[in-house]
N, C-alpha and C. Protein backbone atom coordinates (compact mmCIF):
# COMPACT_ATOMS: atom_id res chain seq x y z
N MET A 1 246.76 23.57 -106.46
CA MET A 1 246.48 22.05 -106.56
C MET A 1 246.60 21.50 -108.03
N GLY A 2 245.54 21.76 -108.92
CA GLY A 2 245.66 21.61 -110.28
C GLY A 2 245.47 20.36 -110.47
N SER A 3 245.46 19.75 -111.73
CA SER A 3 245.46 18.57 -112.23
C SER A 3 246.53 17.60 -112.21
N LYS A 4 246.40 16.44 -112.49
CA LYS A 4 247.53 15.17 -112.59
C LYS A 4 247.27 14.28 -113.61
N LYS A 5 247.82 13.85 -114.53
CA LYS A 5 247.20 12.94 -115.63
C LYS A 5 248.56 12.00 -115.67
N GLU A 6 248.28 10.82 -116.10
CA GLU A 6 248.78 9.72 -116.15
C GLU A 6 248.23 8.60 -117.13
N THR A 7 248.91 8.19 -117.75
CA THR A 7 248.47 6.88 -118.66
C THR A 7 249.16 5.36 -118.00
N TYR A 8 248.15 4.77 -117.98
CA TYR A 8 248.24 3.33 -117.18
C TYR A 8 247.63 2.22 -117.97
N GLU A 9 248.18 1.22 -118.30
CA GLU A 9 247.55 0.05 -118.99
C GLU A 9 246.73 0.50 -119.95
N ASN A 10 247.18 1.88 -120.86
CA ASN A 10 246.27 2.25 -121.92
C ASN A 10 245.05 2.82 -121.42
N CYS A 11 245.10 3.46 -120.00
CA CYS A 11 243.81 4.22 -119.37
C CYS A 11 244.26 5.51 -118.75
N GLU A 12 243.37 6.66 -119.40
CA GLU A 12 244.20 7.73 -118.67
C GLU A 12 243.40 8.22 -117.41
N ILE A 13 244.38 8.23 -116.22
CA ILE A 13 243.84 8.53 -115.06
C ILE A 13 244.17 10.10 -114.87
N ARG A 14 243.07 10.77 -114.36
CA ARG A 14 243.10 12.08 -114.17
C ARG A 14 242.53 12.57 -112.66
N ILE A 15 243.26 13.22 -112.00
CA ILE A 15 243.22 13.50 -110.23
C ILE A 15 243.25 15.18 -110.64
N GLU A 16 241.92 15.39 -110.27
CA GLU A 16 241.79 17.05 -110.21
C GLU A 16 241.69 17.68 -109.03
N ASP A 17 242.59 18.80 -108.71
CA ASP A 17 242.69 19.14 -107.26
C ASP A 17 242.33 18.26 -105.73
N ASP A 18 243.30 17.02 -106.35
CA ASP A 18 243.50 15.82 -105.40
C ASP A 18 242.17 15.97 -104.34
N THR A 19 240.85 16.05 -105.57
CA THR A 19 239.54 15.44 -104.92
C THR A 19 238.66 14.79 -105.64
N GLN A 20 239.07 14.51 -106.99
CA GLN A 20 238.20 14.05 -107.94
C GLN A 20 238.92 12.91 -108.99
N LEU A 21 238.68 12.00 -108.81
CA LEU A 21 239.15 11.02 -109.58
C LEU A 21 238.22 10.65 -110.94
N PHE A 22 239.36 10.67 -111.99
CA PHE A 22 238.48 9.89 -113.32
C PHE A 22 239.62 8.90 -113.89
N ILE A 23 238.71 8.23 -114.63
CA ILE A 23 239.47 6.94 -115.44
C ILE A 23 238.73 7.18 -116.54
N ASN A 24 239.57 7.00 -117.65
CA ASN A 24 238.87 7.47 -118.91
C ASN A 24 237.95 8.42 -118.94
N GLN A 25 237.92 9.37 -118.55
CA GLN A 25 236.99 10.36 -118.28
C GLN A 25 235.49 10.11 -117.19
N LYS A 26 235.66 9.17 -116.79
CA LYS A 26 234.56 8.72 -116.12
C LYS A 26 234.83 8.94 -114.52
N PRO A 27 234.05 9.65 -114.12
CA PRO A 27 234.29 9.76 -112.48
C PRO A 27 234.04 8.52 -111.64
N ILE A 28 235.39 8.44 -111.14
CA ILE A 28 235.01 7.43 -109.92
C ILE A 28 235.17 8.01 -108.43
N GLU A 29 234.04 7.04 -107.86
CA GLU A 29 233.54 7.84 -106.38
C GLU A 29 234.53 6.89 -105.58
N TYR A 30 235.13 7.53 -104.35
CA TYR A 30 236.08 6.66 -103.69
C TYR A 30 235.70 7.13 -102.12
N VAL A 31 236.05 6.59 -101.03
CA VAL A 31 236.43 7.43 -99.49
C VAL A 31 237.69 7.46 -99.15
N HIS A 32 238.01 8.44 -98.76
CA HIS A 32 239.02 8.65 -98.10
C HIS A 32 239.04 8.81 -96.36
N ASP A 33 239.67 8.10 -95.92
CA ASP A 33 239.77 7.62 -94.34
C ASP A 33 240.95 8.61 -93.77
N LYS A 34 240.26 9.67 -93.42
CA LYS A 34 241.71 10.60 -92.77
C LYS A 34 242.16 10.12 -91.58
N ASP A 35 241.70 9.40 -90.90
CA ASP A 35 242.49 9.05 -89.99
C ASP A 35 243.61 7.58 -89.99
N GLN A 36 243.49 6.80 -90.85
CA GLN A 36 244.17 6.00 -91.35
C GLN A 36 244.80 6.34 -92.48
N LYS A 37 244.48 7.51 -93.09
CA LYS A 37 245.39 8.07 -94.77
C LYS A 37 245.06 7.17 -95.40
N LYS A 38 243.89 6.27 -95.93
CA LYS A 38 243.73 5.36 -97.00
C LYS A 38 242.29 5.75 -97.71
N TRP A 39 242.60 5.11 -98.88
CA TRP A 39 241.58 5.35 -100.02
C TRP A 39 240.94 4.06 -100.34
N SER A 40 239.87 3.98 -100.66
CA SER A 40 239.11 2.80 -101.12
C SER A 40 237.87 3.41 -102.19
N SER A 41 237.44 2.26 -102.79
CA SER A 41 236.51 2.62 -103.76
C SER A 41 235.54 1.04 -103.93
N ARG A 42 234.42 1.30 -104.07
CA ARG A 42 233.35 0.12 -104.27
C ARG A 42 233.95 -0.76 -105.35
N TYR A 43 234.83 -0.39 -106.40
CA TYR A 43 235.20 -0.99 -107.28
C TYR A 43 236.24 -1.95 -107.02
N LEU A 44 236.71 -1.69 -105.54
CA LEU A 44 237.70 -2.96 -105.13
C LEU A 44 237.14 -3.08 -103.65
N PRO A 45 236.24 -3.80 -103.28
CA PRO A 45 235.76 -3.59 -102.02
C PRO A 45 236.62 -4.16 -100.94
N TYR A 46 236.70 -3.67 -99.76
CA TYR A 46 237.62 -4.76 -98.39
C TYR A 46 239.08 -4.28 -98.79
N THR A 47 239.53 -3.25 -99.51
CA THR A 47 240.84 -2.85 -99.94
C THR A 47 241.32 -1.71 -99.77
N ASP A 48 242.23 -1.32 -99.22
CA ASP A 48 242.64 0.15 -99.24
C ASP A 48 244.28 0.31 -99.58
N TYR A 49 244.42 1.52 -99.97
CA TYR A 49 245.21 1.85 -100.61
C TYR A 49 245.91 2.87 -99.91
N ASP A 50 247.42 3.37 -99.96
CA ASP A 50 248.03 4.45 -99.23
C ASP A 50 247.65 6.01 -100.23
N SER A 51 247.47 5.56 -101.56
CA SER A 51 247.38 6.85 -102.22
C SER A 51 246.27 6.71 -103.12
N LEU A 52 245.84 7.84 -103.44
CA LEU A 52 244.82 8.17 -104.86
C LEU A 52 245.02 7.45 -106.32
N ILE A 53 246.30 7.65 -106.36
CA ILE A 53 246.92 7.02 -107.58
C ILE A 53 247.06 5.48 -107.70
N ALA A 54 247.31 5.06 -106.30
CA ALA A 54 247.70 3.62 -106.01
C ALA A 54 246.48 2.91 -106.31
N LEU A 55 245.26 3.72 -105.72
CA LEU A 55 243.93 3.48 -105.87
C LEU A 55 243.50 2.97 -107.58
N ALA A 56 243.56 4.26 -108.10
CA ALA A 56 243.39 4.21 -109.42
C ALA A 56 243.94 3.52 -110.26
N LYS A 57 245.32 2.99 -110.01
CA LYS A 57 245.98 2.02 -110.78
C LYS A 57 245.36 0.67 -110.28
N ALA A 58 245.01 0.38 -109.31
CA ALA A 58 244.70 -1.12 -108.82
C ALA A 58 243.36 -1.46 -109.68
N ILE A 59 242.20 -0.42 -109.69
CA ILE A 59 241.03 -0.35 -110.24
C ILE A 59 241.23 -0.55 -111.82
N VAL A 60 242.36 0.14 -112.52
CA VAL A 60 242.66 0.03 -113.92
C VAL A 60 242.89 -1.65 -114.27
N SER A 61 243.91 -2.12 -113.40
CA SER A 61 244.25 -3.22 -113.04
C SER A 61 243.34 -4.41 -113.09
N ASP A 62 242.62 -4.11 -112.10
CA ASP A 62 241.67 -5.27 -111.41
C ASP A 62 240.03 -5.43 -111.77
N THR A 63 239.82 -4.24 -112.67
CA THR A 63 238.22 -4.31 -112.87
C THR A 63 238.36 -4.46 -114.40
N ALA A 64 237.10 -5.37 -114.68
CA ALA A 64 236.96 -5.64 -116.15
C ALA A 64 236.42 -4.29 -116.90
N GLU A 65 235.76 -3.77 -116.38
CA GLU A 65 235.47 -2.52 -117.02
C GLU A 65 236.35 -1.80 -117.54
N PHE A 66 237.63 -1.61 -117.45
CA PHE A 66 238.52 -0.61 -117.88
C PHE A 66 239.57 -1.43 -118.88
N LYS A 67 239.62 -3.01 -118.72
CA LYS A 67 240.70 -3.80 -119.66
C LYS A 67 240.07 -3.59 -120.92
N ALA A 68 241.16 -3.37 -121.71
CA ALA A 68 241.02 -2.91 -123.23
C ALA A 68 240.42 -4.53 -124.15
């Protein structure tokens, strides 16, 4: 498994063992619907994403907390 790191819009996105998500070292809670294979988070209610990295990028792009 391991760790994946990516910088997106000046934020560091880190995924640990495909089970934990961090943006700028802040843990981000999310839900994975295994039946629909979609990820979601309270940061972007009523939206689903096809991957954890897509969810993380959307949070960075669309959430004031992570804007520079």
